[in-house]
Amino acid sequence: MATSFQSSVELDSHEVKDYICNACEDKNTVETSADFYCKQCERFYCGGCIDPHGKALAKHTTFGREEIDKWPVSKKVVDFLQTCDVHKDHKIDQFCNLHKQLCCPQCVSDQH
């Protein structure tokens, strides 16, 4: 399913990471791409943070990128899918039956 999924995309010369290491994020360091997901912790880890996690919590089940189909959908993907294409500062939260399309409150106000 997600085997051809790329870990990052180039967008206006800014790298957009799909999954961020939660341990690095907690330490307020640079955003680091996650390479592992722990099902019990429900957290993502980079290569450097997975070792301490594995030593402390050896019985936890972790999945690497080769098993990304077992990872939950990333928050960045969810946010992207829920953001209105026209009104970038609004979330899509309604469906217009007349036009058969999803829309945000501003779209409803403007067009529906």
PDB file of N, CA and C in Angstrom:
ATOM      1  N   MET A   1       0.826  -1.184   0.000  1.00  0.00           N
ATOM      2  CA  MET A   1       0.000   0.000   0.000  1.00  0.00           C
ATOM      3  C   MET A   1       0.868   1.244   0.000  1.00  0.00           C
ATOM      4  N   ALA A   2       1.654   1.449   1.034  1.00  0.00           N
ATOM      5  CA  ALA A   2       2.451   2.667   1.131  1.00  0.00           C
ATOM      6  C   ALA A   2       3.920   2.400   0.833  1.00  0.00           C
ATOM      7  N   THR A   3       4.217   1.330   0.145  1.00  0.00           N
ATOM      8  CA  THR A   3       5.613   0.981  -0.078  1.00  0.00           C
ATOM      9  C   THR A   3       6.334   1.975  -0.960  1.00  0.00           C
ATOM     10  N   SER A   4       5.623   2.673  -1.831  1.00  0.00           N
ATOM     11  CA  SER A   4       6.276   3.661  -2.679  1.00  0.00           C
ATOM     12  C   SER A   4       6.229   5.063  -2.076  1.00  0.00           C
ATOM     13  N   PHE A   5       5.782   5.176  -0.847  1.00  0.00           N
ATOM     14  CA  PHE A   5       5.665   6.450  -0.155  1.00  0.00           C
ATOM     15  C   PHE A   5       7.041   7.068   0.047  1.00  0.00           C
ATOM     16  N   GLN A   6       7.192   8.337  -0.314  1.00  0.00           N
ATOM     17  CA  GLN A   6       8.473   9.012  -0.137  1.00  0.00           C
ATOM     18  C   GLN A   6       8.512   9.681   1.226  1.00  0.00           C
ATOM     19  N   SER A   7       9.711   9.730   1.829  1.00  0.00           N
ATOM     20  CA  SER A   7       9.837  10.265   3.172  1.00  0.00           C
ATOM     21  C   SER A   7       9.769  11.782   3.219  1.00  0.00           C
ATOM     22  N   SER A   8      10.063  12.444   2.123  1.00  0.00           N
ATOM     23  CA  SER A   8       9.971  13.901   2.116  1.00  0.00           C
ATOM     24  C   SER A   8       9.768  14.382   0.692  1.00  0.00           C
ATOM     25  N   VAL A   9       9.279  15.597   0.567  1.00  0.00           N
ATOM     26  CA  VAL A   9       9.087  16.203  -0.746  1.00  0.00           C
ATOM     27  C   VAL A   9       9.724  17.573  -0.769  1.00  0.00           C
ATOM     28  N   GLU A  10      10.178  17.962  -1.931  1.00  0.00           N
ATOM     29  CA  GLU A  10      10.770  19.278  -2.114  1.00  0.00           C
ATOM     30  C   GLU A  10       9.646  20.225  -2.513  1.00  0.00           C
ATOM     31  N   LEU A  11       9.438  21.273  -1.757  1.00  0.00           N
ATOM     32  CA  LEU A  11       8.352  22.201  -2.022  1.00  0.00           C
ATOM     33  C   LEU A  11       8.861  23.609  -1.799  1.00  0.00           C
ATOM     34  N   ASP A  12       8.976  24.374  -2.889  1.00  0.00           N
ATOM     35  CA  ASP A  12       9.497  25.736  -2.802  1.00  0.00           C
ATOM     36  C   ASP A  12      10.822  25.776  -2.048  1.00  0.00           C
ATOM     37  N   SER A  13      11.689  24.827  -2.322  1.00  0.00           N
ATOM     38  CA  SER A  13      13.016  24.684  -1.729  1.00  0.00           C
ATOM     39  C   SER A  13      12.996  24.461  -0.216  1.00  0.00           C
ATOM     40  N   HIS A  14      11.845  24.084   0.346  1.00  0.00           N
ATOM     41  CA  HIS A  14      11.744  23.732   1.756  1.00  0.00           C
ATOM     42  C   HIS A  14      11.405  22.252   1.838  1.00  0.00           C
ATOM     43  N   GLU A  15      12.141  21.526   2.641  1.00  0.00           N
ATOM     44  CA  GLU A  15      11.858  20.116   2.810  1.00  0.00           C
ATOM     45  C   GLU A  15      10.703  19.947   3.775  1.00  0.00           C
ATOM     46  N   VAL A  16       9.715  19.158   3.378  1.00  0.00           N
ATOM     47  CA  VAL A  16       8.579  18.879   4.234  1.00  0.00           C
ATOM     48  C   VAL A  16       8.708  17.438   4.696  1.00  0.00           C
ATOM     49  N   LYS A  17       8.865  17.250   5.981  1.00  0.00           N
ATOM     50  CA  LYS A  17       9.026  15.910   6.521  1.00  0.00           C
ATOM     51  C   LYS A  17       7.645  15.348   6.851  1.00  0.00           C
ATOM     52  N   ASP A  18       7.442  14.094   6.481  1.00  0.00           N
ATOM     53  CA  ASP A  18       6.148  13.484   6.712  1.00  0.00           C
ATOM     54  C   ASP A  18       5.956  13.050   8.157  1.00  0.00           C
ATOM     55  N   TYR A  19       6.984  12.489   8.773  1.00  0.00           N
ATOM     56  CA  TYR A  19       6.927  12.063  10.168  1.00  0.00           C
ATOM     57  C   TYR A  19       8.118  12.651  10.901  1.00  0.00           C
ATOM     58  N   ILE A  20       7.892  13.228  12.068  1.00  0.00           N
ATOM     59  CA  ILE A  20       8.936  13.885  12.852  1.00  0.00           C
ATOM     60  C   ILE A  20       9.201  13.057  14.113  1.00  0.00           C
ATOM     61  N   CYS A  21      10.464  12.931  14.472  1.00  0.00           N
ATOM     62  CA  CYS A  21      10.849  12.220  15.694  1.00  0.00           C
ATOM     63  C   CYS A  21      10.296  12.980  16.902  1.00  0.00           C
ATOM     64  N   ASN A  22       9.431  12.322  17.665  1.00  0.00           N
ATOM     65  CA  ASN A  22       8.826  12.959  18.838  1.00  0.00           C
ATOM     66  C   ASN A  22       9.846  13.208  19.940  1.00  0.00           C
ATOM     67  N   ALA A  23      10.831  12.325  20.095  1.00  0.00           N
ATOM     68  CA  ALA A  23      11.849  12.504  21.137  1.00  0.00           C
ATOM     69  C   ALA A  23      12.695  13.744  20.843  1.00  0.00           C
ATOM     70  N   CYS A  24      13.101  13.939  19.596  1.00  0.00           N
ATOM     71  CA  CYS A  24      13.855  15.144  19.222  1.00  0.00           C
ATOM     72  C   CYS A  24      12.981  16.381  19.379  1.00  0.00           C
ATOM     73  N   GLU A  25      11.733  16.266  19.008  1.00  0.00           N
ATOM     74  CA  GLU A  25      10.783  17.374  19.133  1.00  0.00           C
ATOM     75  C   GLU A  25      10.623  17.770  20.610  1.00  0.00           C
ATOM     76  N   ASP A  26      10.575  16.776  21.498  1.00  0.00           N
ATOM     77  CA  ASP A  26      10.463  17.046  22.934  1.00  0.00           C
ATOM     78  C   ASP A  26      11.665  17.816  23.466  1.00  0.00           C
ATOM     79  N   LYS A  27      12.830  17.559  22.868  1.00  0.00           N
ATOM     80  CA  LYS A  27      14.067  18.222  23.297  1.00  0.00           C
ATOM     81  C   LYS A  27      14.234  19.575  22.617  1.00  0.00           C
ATOM     82  N   ASN A  28      13.244  19.977  21.802  1.00  0.00           N
ATOM     83  CA  ASN A  28      13.285  21.244  21.062  1.00  0.00           C
ATOM     84  C   ASN A  28      14.506  21.340  20.151  1.00  0.00           C
ATOM     85  N   THR A  29      14.888  20.224  19.558  1.00  0.00           N
ATOM     86  CA  THR A  29      15.988  20.250  18.596  1.00  0.00           C
ATOM     87  C   THR A  29      15.421  20.394  17.195  1.00  0.00           C
ATOM     88  N   VAL A  30      16.284  20.357  16.224  1.00  0.00           N
ATOM     89  CA  VAL A  30      15.871  20.481  14.823  1.00  0.00           C
ATOM     90  C   VAL A  30      14.905  19.346  14.471  1.00  0.00           C
ATOM     91  N   GLU A  31      13.939  19.634  13.616  1.00  0.00           N
ATOM     92  CA  GLU A  31      13.016  18.594  13.184  1.00  0.00           C
ATOM     93  C   GLU A  31      13.802  17.488  12.502  1.00  0.00           C
ATOM     94  N   THR A  32      13.672  16.291  13.022  1.00  0.00           N
ATOM     95  CA  THR A  32      14.372  15.132  12.486  1.00  0.00           C
ATOM     96  C   THR A  32      13.336  14.149  11.963  1.00  0.00           C
ATOM     97  N   SER A  33      13.561  13.633  10.773  1.00  0.00           N
ATOM     98  CA  SER A  33      12.633  12.653  10.215  1.00  0.00           C
ATOM     99  C   SER A  33      12.629  11.391  11.064  1.00  0.00           C
ATOM    100  N   ALA A  34      11.457  10.854  11.279  1.00  0.00           N
ATOM    101  CA  ALA A  34      11.318   9.615  12.041  1.00  0.00           C
ATOM    102  C   ALA A  34      11.568   8.424  11.123  1.00  0.00           C
ATOM    103  N   ASP A  35      12.218   7.419  11.681  1.00  0.00           N
ATOM    104  CA  ASP A  35      12.495   6.186  10.954  1.00  0.00           C
ATOM    105  C   ASP A  35      11.775   4.999  11.573  1.00  0.00           C
ATOM    106  N   PHE A  36      11.202   5.199  12.766  1.00  0.00           N
ATOM    107  CA  PHE A  36      10.528   4.127  13.488  1.00  0.00           C
ATOM    108  C   PHE A  36       9.270   4.656  14.157  1.00  0.00           C
ATOM    109  N   TYR A  37       8.331   3.748  14.354  1.00  0.00           N
ATOM    110  CA  TYR A  37       7.098   4.052  15.090  1.00  0.00           C
ATOM    111  C   TYR A  37       6.916   2.995  16.160  1.00  0.00           C
ATOM    112  N   CYS A  38       6.642   3.420  17.399  1.00  0.00           N
ATOM    113  CA  CYS A  38       6.377   2.498  18.501  1.00  0.00           C
ATOM    114  C   CYS A  38       4.875   2.442  18.722  1.00  0.00           C
ATOM    115  N   LYS A  39       4.338   1.249  18.560  1.00  0.00           N
ATOM    116  CA  LYS A  39       2.897   1.074  18.691  1.00  0.00           C
ATOM    117  C   LYS A  39       2.406   1.341  20.118  1.00  0.00           C
ATOM    118  N   GLN A  40       3.148   0.859  21.135  1.00  0.00           N
ATOM    119  CA  GLN A  40       2.711   1.041  22.511  1.00  0.00           C
ATOM    120  C   GLN A  40       2.801   2.501  22.950  1.00  0.00           C
ATOM    121  N   CYS A  41       3.867   3.169  22.598  1.00  0.00           N
ATOM    122  CA  CYS A  41       4.046   4.584  22.971  1.00  0.00           C
ATOM    123  C   CYS A  41       3.230   5.520  22.083  1.00  0.00           C
ATOM    124  N   GLU A  42       2.891   5.037  20.885  1.00  0.00           N
ATOM    125  CA  GLU A  42       2.241   5.853  19.867  1.00  0.00           C
ATOM    126  C   GLU A  42       3.086   7.076  19.559  1.00  0.00           C
ATOM    127  N   ARG A  43       4.394   6.821  19.382  1.00  0.00           N
ATOM    128  CA  ARG A  43       5.362   7.893  19.121  1.00  0.00           C
ATOM    129  C   ARG A  43       6.309   7.477  18.010  1.00  0.00           C
ATOM    130  N   PHE A  44       6.909   8.488  17.374  1.00  0.00           N
ATOM    131  CA  PHE A  44       7.853   8.277  16.290  1.00  0.00           C
ATOM    132  C   PHE A  44       9.265   8.561  16.780  1.00  0.00           C
ATOM    133  N   TYR A  45      10.242   7.829  16.228  1.00  0.00           N
ATOM    134  CA  TYR A  45      11.641   7.969  16.640  1.00  0.00           C
ATOM    135  C   TYR A  45      12.565   7.968  15.429  1.00  0.00           C
ATOM    136  N   CYS A  46      13.621   8.764  15.524  1.00  0.00           N
ATOM    137  CA  CYS A  46      14.669   8.739  14.498  1.00  0.00           C
ATOM    138  C   CYS A  46      15.645   7.615  14.847  1.00  0.00           C
ATOM    139  N   GLY A  47      16.624   7.383  14.004  1.00  0.00           N
ATOM    140  CA  GLY A  47      17.612   6.340  14.246  1.00  0.00           C
ATOM    141  C   GLY A  47      18.389   6.536  15.526  1.00  0.00           C
ATOM    142  N   GLY A  48      18.662   7.774  15.904  1.00  0.00           N
ATOM    143  CA  GLY A  48      19.410   8.057  17.121  1.00  0.00           C
ATOM    144  C   GLY A  48      18.604   7.886  18.388  1.00  0.00           C
ATOM    145  N   CYS A  49      17.314   8.064  18.312  1.00  0.00           N
ATOM    146  CA  CYS A  49      16.463   7.990  19.511  1.00  0.00           C
ATOM    147  C   CYS A  49      15.847   6.603  19.724  1.00  0.00           C
ATOM    148  N   ILE A  50      15.854   5.769  18.695  1.00  0.00           N
ATOM    149  CA  ILE A  50      15.232   4.451  18.844  1.00  0.00           C
ATOM    150  C   ILE A  50      16.052   3.545  19.755  1.00  0.00           C
ATOM    151  N   ASP A  51      17.379   3.700  19.780  1.00  0.00           N
ATOM    152  CA  ASP A  51      18.219   2.844  20.627  1.00  0.00           C
ATOM    153  C   ASP A  51      17.924   3.035  22.113  1.00  0.00           C
ATOM    154  N   PRO A  52      17.922   4.277  22.633  1.00  0.00           N
ATOM    155  CA  PRO A  52      17.563   4.449  24.055  1.00  0.00           C
ATOM    156  C   PRO A  52      16.153   3.942  24.360  1.00  0.00           C
ATOM    157  N   HIS A  53      15.241   4.159  23.440  1.00  0.00           N
ATOM    158  CA  HIS A  53      13.868   3.673  23.615  1.00  0.00           C
ATOM    159  C   HIS A  53      13.872   2.150  23.703  1.00  0.00           C
ATOM    160  N   GLY A  54      14.594   1.505  22.801  1.00  0.00           N
ATOM    161  CA  GLY A  54      14.649   0.042  22.786  1.00  0.00           C
ATOM    162  C   GLY A  54      15.281  -0.536  24.031  1.00  0.00           C
ATOM    163  N   LYS A  55      16.271   0.144  24.579  1.00  0.00           N
ATOM    164  CA  LYS A  55      16.925  -0.331  25.804  1.00  0.00           C
ATOM    165  C   LYS A  55      15.993  -0.189  27.007  1.00  0.00           C
ATOM    166  N   ALA A  56      15.272   0.908  27.068  1.00  0.00           N
ATOM    167  CA  ALA A  56      14.381   1.155  28.204  1.00  0.00           C
ATOM    168  C   ALA A  56      13.079   0.361  28.100  1.00  0.00           C
ATOM    169  N   LEU A  57      12.618   0.179  26.892  1.00  0.00           N
ATOM    170  CA  LEU A  57      11.310  -0.456  26.679  1.00  0.00           C
ATOM    171  C   LEU A  57      11.443  -1.596  25.662  1.00  0.00           C
ATOM    172  N   ALA A  58      12.210  -2.602  26.018  1.00  0.00           N
ATOM    173  CA  ALA A  58      12.569  -3.686  25.100  1.00  0.00           C
ATOM    174  C   ALA A  58      11.375  -4.485  24.591  1.00  0.00           C
ATOM    175  N   LYS A  59      10.303  -4.529  25.342  1.00  0.00           N
ATOM    176  CA  LYS A  59       9.148  -5.340  24.927  1.00  0.00           C
ATOM    177  C   LYS A  59       8.191  -4.594  23.995  1.00  0.00           C
ATOM    178  N   HIS A  60       8.474  -3.339  23.736  1.00  0.00           N
ATOM    179  CA  HIS A  60       7.609  -2.572  22.834  1.00  0.00           C
ATOM    180  C   HIS A  60       7.823  -3.008  21.390  1.00  0.00           C
ATOM    181  N   THR A  61       6.765  -2.941  20.607  1.00  0.00           N
ATOM    182  CA  THR A  61       6.814  -3.299  19.192  1.00  0.00           C
ATOM    183  C   THR A  61       7.068  -2.040  18.373  1.00  0.00           C
ATOM    184  N   THR A  62       8.173  -2.039  17.630  1.00  0.00           N
ATOM    185  CA  THR A  62       8.474  -0.886  16.770  1.00  0.00           C
ATOM    186  C   THR A  62       8.464  -1.329  15.317  1.00  0.00           C
ATOM    187  N   PHE A  63       8.103  -0.394  14.457  1.00  0.00           N
ATOM    188  CA  PHE A  63       8.051  -0.640  13.023  1.00  0.00           C
ATOM    189  C   PHE A  63       8.935   0.366  12.308  1.00  0.00           C
ATOM    190  N   GLY A  64       9.802  -0.104  11.439  1.00  0.00           N
ATOM    191  CA  GLY A  64      10.641   0.768  10.632  1.00  0.00           C
ATOM    192  C   GLY A  64       9.900   1.237   9.397  1.00  0.00           C
ATOM    193  N   ARG A  65      10.569   2.038   8.598  1.00  0.00           N
ATOM    194  CA  ARG A  65       9.929   2.570   7.384  1.00  0.00           C
ATOM    195  C   ARG A  65       9.539   1.481   6.393  1.00  0.00           C
ATOM    196  N   GLU A  66      10.210   0.338   6.450  1.00  0.00           N
ATOM    197  CA  GLU A  66       9.835  -0.755   5.547  1.00  0.00           C
ATOM    198  C   GLU A  66       8.458  -1.317   5.895  1.00  0.00           C
ATOM    199  N   GLU A  67       7.950  -0.973   7.072  1.00  0.00           N
ATOM    200  CA  GLU A  67       6.614  -1.383   7.501  1.00  0.00           C
ATOM    201  C   GLU A  67       5.729  -0.153   7.741  1.00  0.00           C
ATOM    202  N   ILE A  68       5.911   0.868   6.918  1.00  0.00           N
ATOM    203  CA  ILE A  68       5.200   2.139   7.113  1.00  0.00           C
ATOM    204  C   ILE A  68       3.681   1.977   7.007  1.00  0.00           C
ATOM    205  N   ASP A  69       3.240   0.898   6.382  1.00  0.00           N
ATOM    206  CA  ASP A  69       1.805   0.651   6.298  1.00  0.00           C
ATOM    207  C   ASP A  69       1.203   0.349   7.672  1.00  0.00           C
ATOM    208  N   LYS A  70       2.034   0.088   8.671  1.00  0.00           N
ATOM    209  CA  LYS A  70       1.571  -0.154  10.036  1.00  0.00           C
ATOM    210  C   LYS A  70       1.624   1.117  10.891  1.00  0.00           C
ATOM    211  N   TRP A  71       2.105   2.204  10.330  1.00  0.00           N
ATOM    212  CA  TRP A  71       2.172   3.495  11.022  1.00  0.00           C
ATOM    213  C   TRP A  71       0.825   4.201  10.878  1.00  0.00           C
ATOM    214  N   PRO A  72       0.448   5.043  11.846  1.00  0.00           N
ATOM    215  CA  PRO A  72      -0.765   5.853  11.667  1.00  0.00           C
ATOM    216  C   PRO A  72      -0.487   6.975  10.654  1.00  0.00           C
ATOM    217  N   VAL A  73      -1.540   7.572  10.179  1.00  0.00           N
ATOM    218  CA  VAL A  73      -1.393   8.700   9.258  1.00  0.00           C
ATOM    219  C   VAL A  73      -0.751   9.852  10.025  1.00  0.00           C
ATOM    220  N   SER A  74       0.214  10.505   9.407  1.00  0.00           N
ATOM    221  CA  SER A  74       0.910  11.597  10.101  1.00  0.00           C
ATOM    222  C   SER A  74       0.002  12.809  10.276  1.00  0.00           C
ATOM    223  N   LYS A  75       0.246  13.564  11.339  1.00  0.00           N
ATOM    224  CA  LYS A  75      -0.535  14.766  11.613  1.00  0.00           C
ATOM    225  C   LYS A  75      -0.412  15.767  10.468  1.00  0.00           C
ATOM    226  N   LYS A  76       0.774  15.862   9.857  1.00  0.00           N
ATOM    227  CA  LYS A  76       0.951  16.807   8.748  1.00  0.00           C
ATOM    228  C   LYS A  76       0.071  16.428   7.565  1.00  0.00           C
ATOM    229  N   VAL A  77      -0.083  15.144   7.307  1.00  0.00           N
ATOM    230  CA  VAL A  77      -0.941  14.700   6.213  1.00  0.00           C
ATOM    231  C   VAL A  77      -2.401  14.997   6.543  1.00  0.00           C
ATOM    232  N   VAL A  78      -2.805  14.703   7.768  1.00  0.00           N
ATOM    233  CA  VAL A  78      -4.188  14.988   8.190  1.00  0.00           C
ATOM    234  C   VAL A  78      -4.474  16.482   8.074  1.00  0.00           C
ATOM    235  N   ASP A  79      -3.566  17.308   8.572  1.00  0.00           N
ATOM    236  CA  ASP A  79      -3.746  18.763   8.494  1.00  0.00           C
ATOM    237  C   ASP A  79      -3.844  19.224   7.042  1.00  0.00           C
ATOM    238  N   PHE A  80      -2.996  18.678   6.185  1.00  0.00           N
ATOM    239  CA  PHE A  80      -3.019  19.035   4.771  1.00  0.00           C
ATOM    240  C   PHE A  80      -4.362  18.668   4.148  1.00  0.00           C
ATOM    241  N   LEU A  81      -4.855  17.473   4.433  1.00  0.00           N
ATOM    242  CA  LEU A  81      -6.113  17.013   3.851  1.00  0.00           C
ATOM    243  C   LEU A  81      -7.318  17.786   4.368  1.00  0.00           C
ATOM    244  N   GLN A  82      -7.226  18.314   5.580  1.00  0.00           N
ATOM    245  CA  GLN A  82      -8.353  19.036   6.167  1.00  0.00           C
ATOM    246  C   GLN A  82      -8.325  20.533   5.890  1.00  0.00           C
ATOM    247  N   THR A  83      -7.272  21.029   5.250  1.00  0.00           N
ATOM    248  CA  THR A  83      -7.153  22.462   4.979  1.00  0.00           C
ATOM    249  C   THR A  83      -7.832  22.803   3.660  1.00  0.00           C
ATOM    250  N   CYS A  84      -8.613  23.853   3.667  1.00  0.00           N
ATOM    251  CA  CYS A  84      -9.305  24.306   2.465  1.00  0.00           C
ATOM    252  C   CYS A  84      -8.289  24.757   1.418  1.00  0.00           C
ATOM    253  N   ASP A  85      -8.484  24.346   0.171  1.00  0.00           N
ATOM    254  CA  ASP A  85      -7.586  24.739  -0.921  1.00  0.00           C
ATOM    255  C   ASP A  85      -7.655  26.226  -1.213  1.00  0.00           C
ATOM    256  N   VAL A  86      -8.822  26.832  -1.022  1.00  0.00           N
ATOM    257  CA  VAL A  86      -9.023  28.241  -1.327  1.00  0.00           C
ATOM    258  C   VAL A  86      -8.682  29.126  -0.134  1.00  0.00           C
ATOM    259  N   HIS A  87      -9.152  28.733   1.037  1.00  0.00           N
ATOM    260  CA  HIS A  87      -8.945  29.524   2.261  1.00  0.00           C
ATOM    261  C   HIS A  87      -8.004  28.746   3.177  1.00  0.00           C
ATOM    262  N   LYS A  88      -6.722  28.942   2.995  1.00  0.00           N
ATOM    263  CA  LYS A  88      -5.688  28.146   3.664  1.00  0.00           C
ATOM    264  C   LYS A  88      -5.731  28.216   5.190  1.00  0.00           C
ATOM    265  N   ASP A  89      -6.360  29.235   5.745  1.00  0.00           N
ATOM    266  CA  ASP A  89      -6.421  29.362   7.197  1.00  0.00           C
ATOM    267  C   ASP A  89      -7.693  28.743   7.779  1.00  0.00           C
ATOM    268  N   HIS A  90      -8.473  28.039   6.950  1.00  0.00           N
ATOM    269  CA  HIS A  90      -9.706  27.391   7.404  1.00  0.00           C
ATOM    270  C   HIS A  90      -9.637  25.886   7.177  1.00  0.00           C
ATOM    271  N   LYS A  91     -10.286  25.162   8.071  1.00  0.00           N
ATOM    272  CA  LYS A  91     -10.391  23.704   7.966  1.00  0.00           C
ATOM    273  C   LYS A  91     -11.696  23.333   7.279  1.00  0.00           C
ATOM    274  N   ILE A  92     -11.640  22.314   6.452  1.00  0.00           N
ATOM    275  CA  ILE A  92     -12.840  21.789   5.808  1.00  0.00           C
ATOM    276  C   ILE A  92     -13.642  21.053   6.865  1.00  0.00           C
ATOM    277  N   ASP A  93     -14.891  21.449   7.041  1.00  0.00           N
ATOM    278  CA  ASP A  93     -15.700  20.806   8.071  1.00  0.00           C
ATOM    279  C   ASP A  93     -17.167  20.634   7.668  1.00  0.00           C
ATOM    280  N   GLN A  94     -17.467  20.916   6.386  1.00  0.00           N
ATOM    281  CA  GLN A  94     -18.852  20.806   5.941  1.00  0.00           C
ATOM    282  C   GLN A  94     -18.902  20.186   4.542  1.00  0.00           C
ATOM    283  N   PHE A  95     -20.084  19.726   4.173  1.00  0.00           N
ATOM    284  CA  PHE A  95     -20.311  19.180   2.838  1.00  0.00           C
ATOM    285  C   PHE A  95     -21.516  19.873   2.232  1.00  0.00           C
ATOM    286  N   CYS A  96     -21.343  20.404   1.033  1.00  0.00           N
ATOM    287  CA  CYS A  96     -22.445  21.058   0.322  1.00  0.00           C
ATOM    288  C   CYS A  96     -23.137  20.012  -0.549  1.00  0.00           C
ATOM    289  N   ASN A  97     -24.372  19.688  -0.211  1.00  0.00           N
ATOM    290  CA  ASN A  97     -25.126  18.694  -0.983  1.00  0.00           C
ATOM    291  C   ASN A  97     -25.454  19.191  -2.382  1.00  0.00           C
ATOM    292  N   LEU A  98     -25.700  20.488  -2.505  1.00  0.00           N
ATOM    293  CA  LEU A  98     -26.034  21.058  -3.806  1.00  0.00           C
ATOM    294  C   LEU A  98     -24.866  20.938  -4.785  1.00  0.00           C
ATOM    295  N   HIS A  99     -23.671  21.301  -4.341  1.00  0.00           N
ATOM    296  CA  HIS A  99     -22.484  21.265  -5.202  1.00  0.00           C
ATOM    297  C   HIS A  99     -21.686  19.973  -5.073  1.00  0.00           C
ATOM    298  N   LYS A 100     -22.075  19.122  -4.149  1.00  0.00           N
ATOM    299  CA  LYS A 100     -21.408  17.832  -3.915  1.00  0.00           C
ATOM    300  C   LYS A 100     -19.917  18.003  -3.673  1.00  0.00           C
ATOM    301  N   GLN A 101     -19.587  18.893  -2.739  1.00  0.00           N
ATOM    302  CA  GLN A 101     -18.176  19.111  -2.425  1.00  0.00           C
ATOM    303  C   GLN A 101     -17.983  19.483  -0.960  1.00  0.00           C
ATOM    304  N   LEU A 102     -16.789  19.189  -0.478  1.00  0.00           N
ATOM    305  CA  LEU A 102     -16.399  19.568   0.869  1.00  0.00           C
ATOM    306  C   LEU A 102     -16.065  21.049   0.872  1.00  0.00           C
ATOM    307  N   CYS A 103     -16.313  21.700   2.001  1.00  0.00           N
ATOM    308  CA  CYS A 103     -16.017  23.123   2.066  1.00  0.00           C
ATOM    309  C   CYS A 103     -15.769  23.578   3.503  1.00  0.00           C
ATOM    310  N   CYS A 104     -15.135  24.722   3.608  1.00  0.00           N
ATOM    311  CA  CYS A 104     -14.864  25.332   4.910  1.00  0.00           C
ATOM    312  C   CYS A 104     -15.964  26.363   5.197  1.00  0.00           C
ATOM    313  N   PRO A 105     -16.012  26.914   6.403  1.00  0.00           N
ATOM    314  CA  PRO A 105     -17.040  27.916   6.719  1.00  0.00           C
ATOM    315  C   PRO A 105     -17.002  29.130   5.799  1.00  0.00           C
ATOM    316  N   GLN A 106     -15.800  29.545   5.376  1.00  0.00           N
ATOM    317  CA  GLN A 106     -15.687  30.701   4.474  1.00  0.00           C
ATOM    318  C   GLN A 106     -16.273  30.367   3.095  1.00  0.00           C
ATOM    319  N   CYS A 107     -16.029  29.147   2.599  1.00  0.00           N
ATOM    320  CA  CYS A 107     -16.604  28.726   1.318  1.00  0.00           C
ATOM    321  C   CYS A 107     -18.125  28.745   1.396  1.00  0.00           C
ATOM    322  N   VAL A 108     -18.656  28.257   2.510  1.00  0.00           N
ATOM    323  CA  VAL A 108     -20.113  28.242   2.702  1.00  0.00           C
ATOM    324  C   VAL A 108     -20.648  29.659   2.645  1.00  0.00           C
ATOM    325  N   SER A 109     -19.975  30.559   3.313  1.00  0.00           N
ATOM    326  CA  SER A 109     -20.377  31.961   3.340  1.00  0.00           C
ATOM    327  C   SER A 109     -20.286  32.602   1.954  1.00  0.00           C
ATOM    328  N   ASP A 110     -19.230  32.287   1.224  1.00  0.00           N
ATOM    329  CA  ASP A 110     -18.982  32.911  -0.082  1.00  0.00           C
ATOM    330  C   ASP A 110     -19.799  32.309  -1.220  1.00  0.00           C
ATOM    331  N   GLN A 111     -19.946  30.981  -1.244  1.00  0.00           N
ATOM    332  CA  GLN A 111     -20.467  30.329  -2.443  1.00  0.00           C
ATOM    333  C   GLN A 111     -21.653  29.403  -2.232  1.00  0.00           C
ATOM    334  N   HIS A 112     -21.910  29.004  -1.008  1.00  0.00           N
ATOM    335  CA  HIS A 112     -22.925  27.968  -0.832  1.00  0.00           C
ATOM    336  C   HIS A 112     -24.062  28.536  -0.015  1.00  0.00           C
TER     337      HIS A 112
END
